[in-house]
Every structure is written in structure tokens, then in C-alpha cells.
């Protein structure tokens, strides 16, 4: 029903639980003789569908596809027990993939939060923000 791109756009969303992860390094060739290392994370994921049935899949994430290493909601590297956003074809549940756009969006959100906290800390150190204002704004940024 869906091609890979359509699966990401139109597929049903479901969360998977990481059962295991393994990091591998590969070489990425660039123009000329330029090469760089890239990390590939192989994840084993269990997914429970809305009807209670489950499946386990192994999928790879390349840091070059998501803007860096895949992170969990706390900003740590993905590992056992973490939640991974997935997309699947409801008519063919064997067609299931990690939602790389959602992983990238999570990385981008975390990066923006770190930037905001860094700016706040700098303003506090320069005396532009009082201790009370700093605490209040930091709690807001950290959703405390």
C-alpha cells in the first residue's frame, strides 16, 4: 500500500520499546579523498499494536540520517527500555520502520533547549538575570 516515503507520511504511528542496541562505525566517502566516520545504531524493537498483538523488528539508524546520534527523551543515547517512534502500514504490519523524522525532531528540540539554557546561564552570570528569575525560567525550560 505504501512506499517507504508514503509510510513515513501516511503510516499509522506506534511507539516501540528498545530491547537492545548495538553501535557500529562505518566510513562515509565524500568528494575526492574525503572520508568521515559515521555511527550506525542497530536497534531491536518490540512494538505493541492497538489490538494487543506484538512484533519484534531489527532496524538501523544512521546518524547521518537524523542529524547525530539517536537520543531518548532525556537526551541520552538510545538504549534498552527507551521508546522509539515507529510508523507502519495497518494493512501489512510487516511494513514497519523507525520514524526517523520524529527522532530528528526530538534531537532538534533537545538542542534548542540546551541552547536556551546556555543563553539563560550566560545572562545570569553577566548579572542580567536575577537568581529568582534564573530559577523560574530554568524550571520553565526544563518543564519542572
N, C-alpha and C. Protein backbone atom coordinates (compact mmCIF):
# COMPACT_ATOMS: atom_id res chain seq x y z
N UNK A 1 0.83 -1.20 0.00
CA UNK A 1 0.00 0.00 0.00
C UNK A 1 0.87 1.25 0.00
N UNK A 2 1.88 1.30 0.84
CA UNK A 2 2.72 2.49 0.95
C UNK A 2 4.13 2.17 0.46
N UNK A 3 4.75 3.13 -0.24
CA UNK A 3 6.18 3.07 -0.44
C UNK A 3 6.84 3.58 0.84
N UNK A 4 8.16 3.50 0.95
CA UNK A 4 8.83 3.90 2.18
C UNK A 4 8.52 5.34 2.55
N UNK A 5 8.56 6.26 1.57
CA UNK A 5 8.27 7.66 1.86
C UNK A 5 6.82 7.84 2.29
N UNK A 6 5.90 7.14 1.62
CA UNK A 6 4.50 7.24 1.99
C UNK A 6 4.25 6.65 3.37
N UNK A 7 4.99 5.62 3.73
CA UNK A 7 4.85 5.02 5.05
C UNK A 7 5.16 6.06 6.13
N UNK A 8 6.19 6.85 5.92
CA UNK A 8 6.55 7.88 6.89
C UNK A 8 5.51 9.00 6.92
N UNK A 9 4.91 9.27 5.78
CA UNK A 9 3.92 10.35 5.72
C UNK A 9 2.53 9.87 6.15
N UNK A 10 2.12 8.71 5.69
CA UNK A 10 0.75 8.26 5.86
C UNK A 10 0.57 7.06 6.78
N UNK A 11 1.66 6.42 7.18
CA UNK A 11 1.55 5.22 8.01
C UNK A 11 1.04 5.56 9.41
N UNK A 12 0.49 4.54 10.04
CA UNK A 12 0.00 4.70 11.41
C UNK A 12 1.19 4.83 12.36
N UNK A 13 1.01 5.61 13.40
CA UNK A 13 2.07 5.82 14.39
C UNK A 13 1.90 4.83 15.53
N UNK A 14 3.04 4.36 16.03
CA UNK A 14 3.05 3.50 17.20
C UNK A 14 4.41 3.66 17.87
N UNK A 15 4.46 3.47 19.16
CA UNK A 15 5.73 3.52 19.87
C UNK A 15 6.29 2.12 20.03
N UNK A 16 7.59 2.00 19.86
CA UNK A 16 8.28 0.74 20.09
C UNK A 16 9.17 0.88 21.31
N UNK A 17 9.47 -0.26 21.94
CA UNK A 17 10.36 -0.29 23.09
C UNK A 17 11.66 -0.96 22.66
N UNK A 18 12.77 -0.28 22.91
CA UNK A 18 14.08 -0.82 22.54
C UNK A 18 14.41 -2.00 23.46
N UNK A 19 14.67 -3.15 22.84
CA UNK A 19 15.07 -4.35 23.58
C UNK A 19 16.59 -4.47 23.63
N UNK A 20 17.25 -3.88 22.65
CA UNK A 20 18.71 -3.93 22.60
C UNK A 20 19.22 -3.00 21.53
N UNK A 21 20.47 -2.57 21.69
CA UNK A 21 21.08 -1.70 20.69
C UNK A 21 22.55 -2.04 20.56
N UNK A 22 23.05 -1.82 19.36
CA UNK A 22 24.46 -2.08 19.06
C UNK A 22 24.95 -0.97 18.15
N UNK A 23 26.07 -0.36 18.52
CA UNK A 23 26.67 0.70 17.70
C UNK A 23 27.74 0.11 16.81
N UNK A 24 27.74 0.53 15.56
CA UNK A 24 28.79 0.15 14.62
C UNK A 24 29.29 1.43 13.98
N UNK A 25 30.51 1.41 13.53
CA UNK A 25 31.07 2.56 12.83
C UNK A 25 31.29 2.18 11.38
N UNK A 26 31.06 3.13 10.51
CA UNK A 26 31.30 2.90 9.09
C UNK A 26 32.01 4.12 8.53
N UNK A 27 32.53 3.96 7.36
CA UNK A 27 33.19 5.09 6.69
C UNK A 27 32.24 5.64 5.64
N UNK A 28 32.14 6.93 5.61
CA UNK A 28 31.32 7.62 4.63
C UNK A 28 32.25 8.35 3.70
N UNK A 29 32.16 8.07 2.42
CA UNK A 29 33.03 8.74 1.45
C UNK A 29 32.43 10.07 1.04
N UNK A 30 33.30 11.01 0.88
CA UNK A 30 32.88 12.33 0.42
C UNK A 30 33.53 12.62 -0.91
N UNK A 31 33.48 13.87 -1.34
CA UNK A 31 34.11 14.22 -2.61
C UNK A 31 35.62 14.06 -2.53
N UNK A 32 36.22 13.63 -3.61
CA UNK A 32 37.67 13.42 -3.64
C UNK A 32 38.07 12.31 -2.70
N UNK A 33 39.09 12.56 -1.91
CA UNK A 33 39.57 11.55 -0.97
C UNK A 33 39.01 11.75 0.43
N UNK A 34 38.04 12.64 0.57
CA UNK A 34 37.48 12.97 1.87
C UNK A 34 36.62 11.82 2.39
N UNK A 35 36.90 11.35 3.59
CA UNK A 35 36.07 10.35 4.24
C UNK A 35 35.84 10.76 5.67
N UNK A 36 34.77 10.29 6.24
CA UNK A 36 34.46 10.57 7.64
C UNK A 36 33.83 9.33 8.25
N UNK A 37 33.94 9.21 9.55
CA UNK A 37 33.31 8.10 10.24
C UNK A 37 31.86 8.43 10.55
N UNK A 38 31.04 7.42 10.52
CA UNK A 38 29.63 7.59 10.86
C UNK A 38 29.22 6.41 11.74
N UNK A 39 28.34 6.67 12.66
CA UNK A 39 27.86 5.61 13.54
C UNK A 39 26.52 5.12 13.04
N UNK A 40 26.39 3.82 13.04
CA UNK A 40 25.12 3.17 12.71
C UNK A 40 24.67 2.44 13.96
N UNK A 41 23.45 2.69 14.39
CA UNK A 41 22.91 2.04 15.58
C UNK A 41 21.89 1.01 15.11
N UNK A 42 22.14 -0.23 15.48
CA UNK A 42 21.20 -1.31 15.16
C UNK A 42 20.33 -1.52 16.40
N UNK A 43 19.02 -1.35 16.22
CA UNK A 43 18.08 -1.46 17.33
C UNK A 43 17.18 -2.68 17.16
N UNK A 44 16.97 -3.39 18.25
CA UNK A 44 15.94 -4.42 18.29
C UNK A 44 14.79 -3.81 19.07
N UNK A 45 13.61 -3.78 18.44
CA UNK A 45 12.47 -3.04 18.98
C UNK A 45 11.24 -3.94 19.04
N UNK A 46 10.51 -3.86 20.16
CA UNK A 46 9.22 -4.55 20.28
C UNK A 46 8.12 -3.50 20.15
N UNK A 47 7.15 -3.82 19.32
CA UNK A 47 6.01 -2.94 19.09
C UNK A 47 4.74 -3.66 19.50
N UNK A 48 3.89 -2.95 20.25
CA UNK A 48 2.57 -3.49 20.58
C UNK A 48 1.53 -2.66 19.85
N UNK A 49 0.74 -3.34 19.00
CA UNK A 49 -0.29 -2.65 18.23
C UNK A 49 -1.53 -2.44 19.09
N UNK A 50 -2.45 -1.62 18.58
CA UNK A 50 -3.64 -1.25 19.34
C UNK A 50 -4.51 -2.44 19.72
N UNK A 51 -4.43 -3.55 18.98
CA UNK A 51 -5.22 -4.73 19.30
C UNK A 51 -4.52 -5.67 20.28
N UNK A 52 -3.34 -5.27 20.77
CA UNK A 52 -2.61 -6.06 21.76
C UNK A 52 -1.58 -7.02 21.17
N UNK A 53 -1.59 -7.22 19.85
CA UNK A 53 -0.58 -8.08 19.25
C UNK A 53 0.76 -7.35 19.22
N UNK A 54 1.83 -8.13 19.20
CA UNK A 54 3.17 -7.54 19.22
C UNK A 54 4.02 -8.11 18.09
N UNK A 55 5.06 -7.39 17.78
CA UNK A 55 6.07 -7.87 16.85
C UNK A 55 7.41 -7.32 17.30
N UNK A 56 8.47 -8.01 16.92
CA UNK A 56 9.81 -7.54 17.19
C UNK A 56 10.52 -7.37 15.85
N UNK A 57 11.20 -6.24 15.70
CA UNK A 57 11.93 -5.95 14.46
C UNK A 57 13.32 -5.44 14.80
N UNK A 58 14.23 -5.61 13.86
CA UNK A 58 15.56 -5.01 13.97
C UNK A 58 15.70 -4.00 12.84
N UNK A 59 16.09 -2.79 13.22
CA UNK A 59 16.24 -1.72 12.25
C UNK A 59 17.53 -0.95 12.56
N UNK A 60 18.06 -0.29 11.53
CA UNK A 60 19.27 0.52 11.70
C UNK A 60 18.95 2.00 11.58
N UNK A 61 19.66 2.78 12.37
CA UNK A 61 19.60 4.23 12.29
C UNK A 61 21.01 4.72 12.01
N UNK A 62 21.15 5.53 10.99
CA UNK A 62 22.45 6.14 10.68
C UNK A 62 22.42 7.56 11.21
N UNK A 63 23.47 7.93 11.94
CA UNK A 63 23.49 9.28 12.50
C UNK A 63 23.40 10.34 11.42
N UNK A 64 23.87 10.03 10.22
CA UNK A 64 23.80 11.00 9.13
C UNK A 64 22.37 11.23 8.65
N UNK A 65 21.45 10.30 8.95
CA UNK A 65 20.05 10.44 8.53
C UNK A 65 19.23 11.26 9.51
N UNK A 66 19.71 11.38 10.75
CA UNK A 66 18.91 12.05 11.77
C UNK A 66 19.63 13.21 12.42
N UNK A 67 20.78 13.61 11.88
CA UNK A 67 21.49 14.78 12.38
C UNK A 67 22.37 14.52 13.58
N UNK A 68 22.70 13.28 13.87
CA UNK A 68 23.55 12.93 15.00
C UNK A 68 23.11 11.62 15.60
N UNK A 69 23.69 11.28 16.73
CA UNK A 69 23.33 10.03 17.39
C UNK A 69 21.88 10.08 17.86
N UNK A 70 21.17 8.95 17.78
CA UNK A 70 19.78 8.93 18.24
C UNK A 70 19.71 9.05 19.76
N UNK A 71 18.85 9.94 20.22
CA UNK A 71 18.73 10.22 21.65
C UNK A 71 17.34 9.88 22.15
N UNK A 72 17.24 9.55 23.44
CA UNK A 72 15.94 9.34 24.05
C UNK A 72 15.39 10.68 24.52
N UNK A 73 14.27 10.67 25.20
CA UNK A 73 13.62 11.90 25.65
C UNK A 73 14.47 12.69 26.64
N UNK A 74 15.40 12.01 27.33
CA UNK A 74 16.25 12.67 28.32
C UNK A 74 17.55 13.19 27.73
N UNK A 75 17.76 12.97 26.43
CA UNK A 75 18.97 13.44 25.79
C UNK A 75 20.12 12.46 25.88
N UNK A 76 19.85 11.24 26.30
CA UNK A 76 20.87 10.20 26.39
C UNK A 76 20.76 9.30 25.16
N UNK A 77 21.85 8.56 24.87
CA UNK A 77 21.81 7.66 23.72
C UNK A 77 20.73 6.60 23.93
N UNK A 78 20.06 6.23 22.83
CA UNK A 78 19.01 5.23 22.91
C UNK A 78 19.56 3.92 23.45
N UNK A 79 18.81 3.31 24.34
CA UNK A 79 19.22 2.03 24.91
C UNK A 79 18.00 1.24 25.33
N UNK A 80 18.25 0.11 25.94
CA UNK A 80 17.20 -0.80 26.36
C UNK A 80 16.16 -0.08 27.21
N UNK A 81 14.88 -0.30 26.87
CA UNK A 81 13.78 0.30 27.62
C UNK A 81 13.31 1.64 27.08
N UNK A 82 14.08 2.26 26.21
CA UNK A 82 13.68 3.55 25.65
C UNK A 82 12.57 3.38 24.62
N UNK A 83 11.81 4.44 24.43
CA UNK A 83 10.70 4.45 23.48
C UNK A 83 11.19 5.04 22.16
N UNK A 84 10.80 4.37 21.06
CA UNK A 84 11.18 4.80 19.72
C UNK A 84 9.91 4.99 18.89
N UNK A 85 9.74 6.15 18.26
CA UNK A 85 8.57 6.34 17.40
C UNK A 85 8.70 5.50 16.13
N UNK A 86 7.61 4.85 15.75
CA UNK A 86 7.60 3.97 14.58
C UNK A 86 6.40 4.34 13.70
N UNK A 87 6.46 3.92 12.44
CA UNK A 87 5.35 4.04 11.50
C UNK A 87 5.15 2.68 10.85
N UNK A 88 3.88 2.32 10.61
CA UNK A 88 3.60 1.04 9.97
C UNK A 88 2.38 1.13 9.06
N UNK A 89 2.29 0.16 8.19
CA UNK A 89 1.15 0.05 7.28
C UNK A 89 0.09 -0.80 7.98
N UNK A 90 -1.07 -0.25 8.33
CA UNK A 90 -2.10 -1.01 9.04
C UNK A 90 -2.59 -2.25 8.28
N UNK A 91 -2.45 -2.23 6.95
CA UNK A 91 -2.89 -3.37 6.16
C UNK A 91 -1.81 -4.44 6.01
N UNK A 92 -0.59 -4.09 6.37
CA UNK A 92 0.54 -5.03 6.30
C UNK A 92 1.53 -4.66 7.39
N UNK A 93 1.29 -5.18 8.58
CA UNK A 93 2.09 -4.79 9.75
C UNK A 93 3.55 -5.22 9.66
N UNK A 94 3.88 -6.02 8.68
CA UNK A 94 5.30 -6.36 8.50
C UNK A 94 6.06 -5.16 7.92
N UNK A 95 5.33 -4.20 7.38
CA UNK A 95 5.93 -2.97 6.85
C UNK A 95 5.97 -1.94 7.97
N UNK A 96 7.05 -1.98 8.72
CA UNK A 96 7.20 -1.10 9.88
C UNK A 96 8.62 -0.55 9.90
N UNK A 97 8.72 0.73 10.16
CA UNK A 97 10.03 1.40 10.15
C UNK A 97 10.12 2.39 11.31
N UNK A 98 11.32 2.70 11.72
CA UNK A 98 11.55 3.75 12.71
C UNK A 98 11.21 5.09 12.05
N UNK A 99 10.50 5.92 12.76
CA UNK A 99 10.14 7.25 12.27
C UNK A 99 11.34 8.18 12.46
N UNK A 100 12.21 8.21 11.47
CA UNK A 100 13.46 8.98 11.57
C UNK A 100 13.20 10.48 11.68
N UNK A 101 12.14 10.96 11.06
CA UNK A 101 11.81 12.38 11.16
C UNK A 101 11.44 12.74 12.60
N UNK A 102 10.73 11.86 13.28
CA UNK A 102 10.37 12.11 14.68
C UNK A 102 11.61 12.06 15.57
N UNK A 103 12.54 11.15 15.29
CA UNK A 103 13.79 11.08 16.05
C UNK A 103 14.59 12.36 15.84
N UNK A 104 14.66 12.83 14.59
CA UNK A 104 15.40 14.06 14.30
C UNK A 104 14.74 15.26 14.99
N UNK A 105 13.41 15.30 14.96
CA UNK A 105 12.69 16.40 15.63
C UNK A 105 12.98 16.40 17.13
N UNK A 106 13.07 15.20 17.72
CA UNK A 106 13.40 15.10 19.15
C UNK A 106 14.80 15.64 19.40
N UNK A 107 15.77 15.29 18.53
CA UNK A 107 17.15 15.80 18.67
C UNK A 107 17.16 17.32 18.55
N UNK A 108 16.43 17.84 17.56
CA UNK A 108 16.39 19.29 17.34
C UNK A 108 15.78 20.01 18.54
N UNK A 109 14.73 19.45 19.12
CA UNK A 109 14.09 20.05 20.29
C UNK A 109 15.05 20.07 21.48
N UNK A 110 15.75 18.97 21.70
CA UNK A 110 16.73 18.91 22.79
C UNK A 110 17.85 19.93 22.58
N UNK A 111 18.32 20.05 21.35
CA UNK A 111 19.39 21.01 21.05
C UNK A 111 18.92 22.44 21.32
N UNK A 112 17.68 22.76 20.96
CA UNK A 112 17.14 24.10 21.20
C UNK A 112 17.02 24.36 22.70
N UNK A 113 16.62 23.34 23.46
CA UNK A 113 16.51 23.51 24.92
C UNK A 113 17.88 23.77 25.54
N UNK A 114 18.89 23.04 25.07
CA UNK A 114 20.25 23.25 25.58
C UNK A 114 20.72 24.66 25.25
N UNK A 115 20.44 25.12 24.03
CA UNK A 115 20.81 26.49 23.64
C UNK A 115 20.13 27.53 24.54
N UNK A 116 18.83 27.32 24.77
CA UNK A 116 18.09 28.25 25.63
C UNK A 116 18.66 28.29 27.04
N UNK A 117 18.99 27.12 27.59
CA UNK A 117 19.56 27.06 28.93
C UNK A 117 20.95 27.71 28.98
N UNK A 118 21.73 27.51 27.92
CA UNK A 118 23.06 28.13 27.86
C UNK A 118 22.95 29.65 27.82
N UNK A 119 22.01 30.17 27.02
CA UNK A 119 21.81 31.62 26.96
C UNK A 119 21.36 32.16 28.33
N UNK A 120 20.45 31.44 28.97
CA UNK A 120 19.96 31.85 30.29
C UNK A 120 21.11 31.85 31.31
N UNK A 121 21.93 30.81 31.27
CA UNK A 121 23.06 30.74 32.19
C UNK A 121 24.03 31.91 31.96
N UNK A 122 24.29 32.21 30.70
CA UNK A 122 25.17 33.34 30.37
C UNK A 122 24.62 34.65 30.88
N UNK A 123 23.31 34.86 30.68
CA UNK A 123 22.68 36.09 31.16
C UNK A 123 22.76 36.18 32.69
N UNK A 124 22.59 35.04 33.35
CA UNK A 124 22.67 35.01 34.81
C UNK A 124 24.08 35.34 35.29
N UNK A 125 25.08 34.77 34.63
CA UNK A 125 26.47 35.03 35.01
C UNK A 125 26.85 36.50 34.80
N UNK A 126 26.28 37.11 33.76
CA UNK A 126 26.57 38.53 33.48
C UNK A 126 25.74 39.47 34.36
N UNK A 127 24.87 38.92 35.20
CA UNK A 127 24.06 39.74 36.09
C UNK A 127 22.83 40.33 35.43
N UNK A 128 22.51 39.87 34.23
CA UNK A 128 21.34 40.38 33.51
C UNK A 128 20.04 39.75 34.01
N UNK A 129 20.17 38.64 34.72
CA UNK A 129 19.01 37.91 35.24
C UNK A 129 19.27 37.63 36.71
N UNK A 130 18.29 37.92 37.56
CA UNK A 130 18.44 37.67 39.00
C UNK A 130 18.39 36.16 39.28
N UNK A 131 18.79 35.78 40.49
CA UNK A 131 18.74 34.37 40.89
C UNK A 131 17.31 33.85 40.79
N UNK A 132 16.36 34.66 41.24
CA UNK A 132 14.95 34.26 41.22
C UNK A 132 14.45 34.09 39.78
N UNK A 133 14.79 35.05 38.92
CA UNK A 133 14.39 34.95 37.51
C UNK A 133 15.04 33.74 36.84
N UNK A 134 16.32 33.50 37.17
CA UNK A 134 17.04 32.36 36.61
C UNK A 134 16.34 31.06 36.99
N UNK A 135 16.05 30.91 38.27
CA UNK A 135 15.42 29.68 38.75
C UNK A 135 14.06 29.47 38.09
N UNK A 136 13.27 30.53 38.03
CA UNK A 136 11.93 30.44 37.45
C UNK A 136 12.00 30.06 35.97
N UNK A 137 12.88 30.71 35.23
CA UNK A 137 12.99 30.45 33.79
C UNK A 137 13.60 29.06 33.52
N UNK A 138 14.57 28.67 34.32
CA UNK A 138 15.18 27.33 34.16
C UNK A 138 14.14 26.25 34.42
N UNK A 139 13.31 26.42 35.44
CA UNK A 139 12.24 25.45 35.73
C UNK A 139 11.26 25.39 34.58
N UNK A 140 10.94 26.54 34.00
CA UNK A 140 10.01 26.56 32.86
C UNK A 140 10.62 25.82 31.67
N UNK A 141 11.89 26.09 31.39
CA UNK A 141 12.56 25.45 30.25
C UNK A 141 12.70 23.95 30.44
N UNK A 142 12.85 23.53 31.68
CA UNK A 142 13.03 22.11 31.98
C UNK A 142 11.72 21.41 32.31
N UNK A 143 10.62 22.13 32.19
CA UNK A 143 9.29 21.58 32.49
C UNK A 143 9.21 21.00 33.90
N UNK A 144 9.78 21.73 34.87
CA UNK A 144 9.73 21.26 36.27
C UNK A 144 8.56 21.82 37.01
